[in-house]
């Protein structure tokens, strides 16, 4: 089964199709991904300069509600930095982001900027 998950501005989730089988398909995908660090999504607001990362979880109360838990975020100054485009890896592609932890516990990320 295929389903779409929409993350709204108020951090609520809508599953399409809004049916028991649609919610079950999303819950199964989340449960499969939990063994591999989980299922994540993000929002980018280039106007306000914010990037937020969310982990999708199945509510333990009823097992059918999908919730988004914010797990990270970053801000930038839109007048000084611009997001030109966003690229995603192919499905099942292993992504490696070499990083070095600096003395002040910040990360120095190495990446290619074509």
N, C-alpha and C. Protein backbone atom coordinates (compact mmCIF):
# COMPACT_ATOMS: atom_id res chain seq x y z
N UNK A 1 0.83 -1.19 0.00
CA UNK A 1 0.00 0.00 0.00
C UNK A 1 0.86 1.24 0.00
N UNK A 2 0.39 2.27 -0.65
CA UNK A 2 1.09 3.54 -0.69
C UNK A 2 0.28 4.57 0.09
N UNK A 3 0.99 5.46 0.73
CA UNK A 3 0.33 6.53 1.48
C UNK A 3 1.23 7.75 1.46
N UNK A 4 0.62 8.90 1.68
CA UNK A 4 1.33 10.17 1.74
C UNK A 4 1.16 10.74 3.14
N UNK A 5 2.26 11.29 3.68
CA UNK A 5 2.21 11.93 4.98
C UNK A 5 2.46 13.42 4.76
N UNK A 6 1.54 14.25 5.25
CA UNK A 6 1.67 15.71 5.13
C UNK A 6 1.91 16.28 6.52
N UNK A 7 2.99 17.04 6.67
CA UNK A 7 3.31 17.72 7.92
C UNK A 7 2.85 19.17 7.77
N UNK A 8 1.89 19.57 8.59
CA UNK A 8 1.32 20.92 8.53
C UNK A 8 2.13 21.91 9.36
N UNK A 9 1.88 23.19 9.17
CA UNK A 9 2.60 24.24 9.88
C UNK A 9 2.44 24.14 11.39
N UNK A 10 1.31 23.60 11.86
CA UNK A 10 1.10 23.45 13.30
C UNK A 10 1.67 22.13 13.83
N UNK A 11 2.47 21.44 13.01
CA UNK A 11 3.13 20.18 13.33
C UNK A 11 2.17 19.00 13.43
N UNK A 12 0.93 19.18 12.97
CA UNK A 12 0.01 18.05 12.91
C UNK A 12 0.29 17.26 11.63
N UNK A 13 -0.15 16.02 11.63
CA UNK A 13 0.10 15.11 10.51
C UNK A 13 -1.23 14.71 9.88
N UNK A 14 -1.26 14.66 8.55
CA UNK A 14 -2.39 14.11 7.81
C UNK A 14 -1.86 12.96 6.97
N UNK A 15 -2.54 11.82 7.02
CA UNK A 15 -2.19 10.67 6.20
C UNK A 15 -3.23 10.56 5.10
N UNK A 16 -2.76 10.42 3.86
CA UNK A 16 -3.64 10.25 2.71
C UNK A 16 -3.29 8.93 2.05
N UNK A 17 -4.21 8.01 1.89
CA UNK A 17 -5.62 8.13 2.18
C UNK A 17 -5.89 8.06 3.69
N UNK A 18 -6.88 8.83 4.12
CA UNK A 18 -7.26 8.86 5.53
C UNK A 18 -8.17 7.66 5.81
N UNK A 19 -7.54 6.50 5.83
CA UNK A 19 -8.27 5.25 6.04
C UNK A 19 -7.44 4.37 6.96
N UNK A 20 -8.03 3.36 7.53
CA UNK A 20 -7.25 2.45 8.37
C UNK A 20 -6.08 1.81 7.62
N UNK A 21 -6.28 1.46 6.34
CA UNK A 21 -5.18 0.85 5.59
C UNK A 21 -4.07 1.86 5.29
N UNK A 22 -4.43 3.13 5.03
CA UNK A 22 -3.41 4.16 4.82
C UNK A 22 -2.59 4.40 6.06
N UNK A 23 -3.26 4.52 7.21
CA UNK A 23 -2.55 4.72 8.48
C UNK A 23 -1.71 3.50 8.84
N UNK A 24 -2.23 2.30 8.54
CA UNK A 24 -1.47 1.09 8.82
C UNK A 24 -0.20 1.02 7.96
N UNK A 25 -0.29 1.46 6.70
CA UNK A 25 0.88 1.46 5.82
C UNK A 25 1.95 2.41 6.34
N UNK A 26 1.54 3.60 6.80
CA UNK A 26 2.50 4.56 7.35
C UNK A 26 3.09 4.04 8.66
N UNK A 27 2.24 3.48 9.52
CA UNK A 27 2.73 2.94 10.80
C UNK A 27 3.72 1.81 10.55
N UNK A 28 3.46 0.96 9.56
CA UNK A 28 4.39 -0.13 9.24
C UNK A 28 5.72 0.42 8.73
N UNK A 29 5.68 1.46 7.91
CA UNK A 29 6.92 2.08 7.42
C UNK A 29 7.72 2.69 8.56
N UNK A 30 7.03 3.34 9.49
CA UNK A 30 7.71 3.94 10.64
C UNK A 30 8.32 2.85 11.51
N UNK A 31 7.58 1.78 11.73
CA UNK A 31 8.10 0.69 12.56
C UNK A 31 9.28 0.00 11.90
N UNK A 32 9.26 -0.17 10.57
CA UNK A 32 10.40 -0.76 9.86
C UNK A 32 11.61 0.15 9.96
N UNK A 33 11.40 1.45 9.86
CA UNK A 33 12.50 2.41 9.88
C UNK A 33 13.07 2.61 11.27
N UNK A 34 12.31 2.27 12.31
CA UNK A 34 12.78 2.49 13.68
C UNK A 34 14.06 1.72 13.97
N UNK A 35 14.23 0.56 13.34
CA UNK A 35 15.46 -0.20 13.53
C UNK A 35 16.64 0.42 12.84
N UNK A 36 16.39 1.34 11.91
CA UNK A 36 17.46 2.03 11.17
C UNK A 36 17.47 3.51 11.51
N UNK A 37 17.26 3.86 12.74
CA UNK A 37 17.28 5.23 13.26
C UNK A 37 15.96 5.97 13.12
N UNK A 38 14.98 5.46 12.42
CA UNK A 38 13.69 6.11 12.35
C UNK A 38 13.38 6.71 11.00
N UNK A 39 12.19 7.27 10.93
CA UNK A 39 11.70 7.92 9.71
C UNK A 39 11.61 9.42 9.99
N UNK A 40 12.29 10.22 9.19
CA UNK A 40 12.41 11.65 9.45
C UNK A 40 11.88 12.46 8.27
N UNK A 41 11.50 13.69 8.56
CA UNK A 41 11.13 14.66 7.54
C UNK A 41 11.59 16.04 8.03
N UNK A 42 11.45 17.04 7.19
CA UNK A 42 11.90 18.37 7.59
C UNK A 42 11.05 19.44 6.91
N UNK A 43 11.17 20.63 7.46
CA UNK A 43 10.57 21.81 6.84
C UNK A 43 11.66 22.84 6.63
N UNK A 44 11.53 23.57 5.54
CA UNK A 44 12.48 24.64 5.23
C UNK A 44 11.67 25.90 4.96
N UNK A 45 11.97 26.96 5.70
CA UNK A 45 11.33 28.24 5.47
C UNK A 45 12.45 29.23 5.12
N UNK A 46 12.68 29.40 3.82
CA UNK A 46 13.78 30.27 3.41
C UNK A 46 13.49 31.73 3.69
N UNK A 47 12.22 32.12 3.80
CA UNK A 47 11.86 33.50 4.11
C UNK A 47 12.26 33.90 5.52
N UNK A 48 12.01 33.01 6.49
CA UNK A 48 12.36 33.32 7.88
C UNK A 48 13.73 32.76 8.26
N UNK A 49 14.31 31.93 7.40
CA UNK A 49 15.63 31.39 7.66
C UNK A 49 15.64 30.27 8.69
N UNK A 50 14.71 29.33 8.56
CA UNK A 50 14.69 28.22 9.52
C UNK A 50 14.56 26.88 8.83
N UNK A 51 15.23 25.90 9.41
CA UNK A 51 15.15 24.51 8.98
C UNK A 51 14.83 23.70 10.23
N UNK A 52 13.77 22.90 10.18
CA UNK A 52 13.36 22.08 11.32
C UNK A 52 13.34 20.62 10.88
N UNK A 53 13.80 19.74 11.76
CA UNK A 53 13.80 18.31 11.48
C UNK A 53 12.86 17.61 12.45
N UNK A 54 12.07 16.67 11.92
CA UNK A 54 11.08 15.95 12.71
C UNK A 54 11.25 14.46 12.52
N UNK A 55 11.02 13.72 13.60
CA UNK A 55 10.97 12.27 13.55
C UNK A 55 9.49 11.87 13.62
N UNK A 56 9.07 11.01 12.71
CA UNK A 56 7.69 10.54 12.71
C UNK A 56 7.58 9.35 13.66
N UNK A 57 6.56 9.37 14.49
CA UNK A 57 6.33 8.32 15.48
C UNK A 57 4.88 7.87 15.43
N UNK A 58 4.66 6.62 15.84
CA UNK A 58 3.31 6.11 16.00
C UNK A 58 2.92 6.33 17.45
N UNK A 59 1.78 6.97 17.67
CA UNK A 59 1.31 7.26 19.02
C UNK A 59 1.14 5.96 19.78
N UNK A 60 1.66 5.92 21.01
CA UNK A 60 1.53 4.71 21.82
C UNK A 60 0.15 4.60 22.44
N UNK A 61 -0.62 5.69 22.41
CA UNK A 61 -1.96 5.66 23.01
C UNK A 61 -2.90 4.73 22.25
N UNK A 62 -3.04 4.97 20.94
CA UNK A 62 -3.98 4.15 20.18
C UNK A 62 -3.31 3.36 19.07
N UNK A 63 -2.03 3.66 18.79
CA UNK A 63 -1.32 2.93 17.76
C UNK A 63 -1.67 3.34 16.34
N UNK A 64 -2.63 4.23 16.17
CA UNK A 64 -3.03 4.65 14.83
C UNK A 64 -2.68 6.09 14.52
N UNK A 65 -2.47 6.91 15.52
CA UNK A 65 -2.16 8.32 15.28
C UNK A 65 -0.68 8.47 14.98
N UNK A 66 -0.36 9.21 13.92
CA UNK A 66 1.02 9.49 13.55
C UNK A 66 1.34 10.89 14.07
N UNK A 67 2.45 11.02 14.77
CA UNK A 67 2.83 12.32 15.32
C UNK A 67 4.24 12.69 14.85
N UNK A 68 4.52 13.98 14.86
CA UNK A 68 5.84 14.50 14.49
C UNK A 68 6.50 15.07 15.74
N UNK A 69 7.69 14.58 16.04
CA UNK A 69 8.45 15.06 17.18
C UNK A 69 9.64 15.85 16.65
N UNK A 70 9.73 17.13 17.01
CA UNK A 70 10.86 17.93 16.54
C UNK A 70 12.14 17.44 17.22
N UNK A 71 13.15 17.13 16.42
CA UNK A 71 14.40 16.62 16.97
C UNK A 71 15.61 17.50 16.65
N UNK A 72 15.40 18.52 15.83
CA UNK A 72 16.52 19.40 15.51
C UNK A 72 16.05 20.60 14.72
N UNK A 73 16.95 21.54 14.59
CA UNK A 73 16.64 22.73 13.82
C UNK A 73 17.84 23.62 13.69
N UNK A 74 17.77 24.52 12.74
CA UNK A 74 18.85 25.46 12.52
C UNK A 74 18.25 26.73 11.93
N UNK A 75 18.93 27.82 12.14
CA UNK A 75 18.50 29.09 11.56
C UNK A 75 19.64 29.73 10.79
N UNK A 76 19.28 30.57 9.87
CA UNK A 76 20.26 31.34 9.13
C UNK A 76 19.66 32.70 8.82
N UNK A 77 20.50 33.63 8.43
CA UNK A 77 20.05 34.98 8.12
C UNK A 77 19.75 35.04 6.62
N UNK A 78 18.47 35.16 6.25
CA UNK A 78 18.10 35.11 4.83
C UNK A 78 18.76 36.19 3.97
N UNK A 79 19.07 37.33 4.57
CA UNK A 79 19.73 38.40 3.80
C UNK A 79 21.18 38.06 3.48
N UNK A 80 21.77 37.12 4.23
CA UNK A 80 23.17 36.79 4.01
C UNK A 80 23.36 35.41 3.38
N UNK A 81 22.40 34.51 3.57
CA UNK A 81 22.52 33.15 3.03
C UNK A 81 21.22 32.80 2.31
N UNK A 82 21.36 32.03 1.25
CA UNK A 82 20.20 31.67 0.44
C UNK A 82 20.22 30.17 0.18
N UNK A 83 19.06 29.53 0.32
CA UNK A 83 18.93 28.14 -0.09
C UNK A 83 18.58 28.17 -1.57
N UNK A 84 19.49 27.67 -2.39
CA UNK A 84 19.30 27.69 -3.83
C UNK A 84 18.43 26.52 -4.27
N UNK A 85 18.69 25.35 -3.72
CA UNK A 85 17.89 24.18 -4.05
C UNK A 85 18.06 23.13 -2.94
N UNK A 86 17.19 22.16 -2.95
CA UNK A 86 17.26 21.06 -2.00
C UNK A 86 17.31 19.78 -2.81
N UNK A 87 18.26 18.91 -2.50
CA UNK A 87 18.40 17.65 -3.22
C UNK A 87 18.30 16.49 -2.24
N UNK A 88 17.69 15.42 -2.67
CA UNK A 88 17.50 14.25 -1.84
C UNK A 88 18.20 13.06 -2.46
N UNK A 89 18.73 12.15 -1.65
CA UNK A 89 19.35 10.95 -2.21
C UNK A 89 18.28 10.02 -2.78
N UNK A 90 18.74 9.13 -3.65
CA UNK A 90 17.81 8.14 -4.19
C UNK A 90 17.39 7.20 -3.06
N UNK A 91 16.22 6.62 -3.22
CA UNK A 91 15.72 5.66 -2.24
C UNK A 91 16.74 4.53 -2.09
N UNK A 92 17.00 4.10 -0.87
CA UNK A 92 17.94 3.02 -0.52
C UNK A 92 19.40 3.38 -0.77
N UNK A 93 19.71 4.64 -1.04
CA UNK A 93 21.09 5.06 -1.22
C UNK A 93 21.69 5.33 0.16
N UNK A 94 22.89 4.87 0.37
CA UNK A 94 23.56 5.11 1.64
C UNK A 94 24.20 6.50 1.57
N UNK A 95 23.84 7.34 2.52
CA UNK A 95 24.34 8.71 2.56
C UNK A 95 25.43 8.80 3.62
N UNK A 96 26.56 9.32 3.23
CA UNK A 96 27.65 9.51 4.16
C UNK A 96 28.00 10.98 4.21
N UNK A 97 27.99 11.55 5.39
CA UNK A 97 28.35 12.95 5.57
C UNK A 97 29.55 13.01 6.50
N UNK A 98 30.75 13.08 5.94
CA UNK A 98 31.92 13.15 6.80
C UNK A 98 31.85 14.38 7.70
N UNK A 99 32.06 14.19 8.97
CA UNK A 99 32.00 15.30 9.93
C UNK A 99 33.13 15.15 10.93
N UNK A 100 33.61 16.28 11.39
CA UNK A 100 34.66 16.29 12.42
C UNK A 100 34.14 17.11 13.59
N UNK A 101 34.22 16.55 14.79
CA UNK A 101 33.79 17.26 15.98
C UNK A 101 34.91 18.20 16.41
N UNK A 102 34.60 19.47 16.54
CA UNK A 102 35.59 20.47 16.92
C UNK A 102 35.65 20.62 18.44
N UNK A 103 36.61 21.36 18.92
CA UNK A 103 36.83 21.53 20.35
C UNK A 103 35.66 22.12 21.12
N UNK A 104 34.84 22.94 20.46
CA UNK A 104 33.69 23.54 21.14
C UNK A 104 32.42 22.71 20.93
N UNK A 105 32.57 21.44 20.55
CA UNK A 105 31.48 20.48 20.30
C UNK A 105 30.64 20.83 19.08
N UNK A 106 31.09 21.76 18.24
CA UNK A 106 30.39 22.01 16.99
C UNK A 106 30.90 21.02 15.95
N UNK A 107 30.20 20.92 14.83
CA UNK A 107 30.58 19.99 13.78
C UNK A 107 31.08 20.73 12.56
N UNK A 108 32.14 20.22 11.97
CA UNK A 108 32.63 20.70 10.69
C UNK A 108 32.22 19.66 9.67
N UNK A 109 31.25 20.01 8.83
CA UNK A 109 30.73 19.08 7.84
C UNK A 109 31.47 19.25 6.53
N UNK A 110 31.86 18.14 5.93
CA UNK A 110 32.50 18.16 4.63
C UNK A 110 31.51 17.69 3.59
N UNK A 111 31.32 18.46 2.54
CA UNK A 111 30.37 18.08 1.51
C UNK A 111 30.81 18.67 0.18
N UNK A 112 30.29 18.09 -0.88
CA UNK A 112 30.57 18.61 -2.22
C UNK A 112 29.51 19.62 -2.59
N UNK A 113 29.93 20.73 -3.13
CA UNK A 113 29.02 21.76 -3.58
C UNK A 113 29.23 21.96 -5.07
N UNK A 114 28.52 21.18 -5.90
CA UNK A 114 28.79 21.25 -7.35
C UNK A 114 28.41 22.57 -7.97
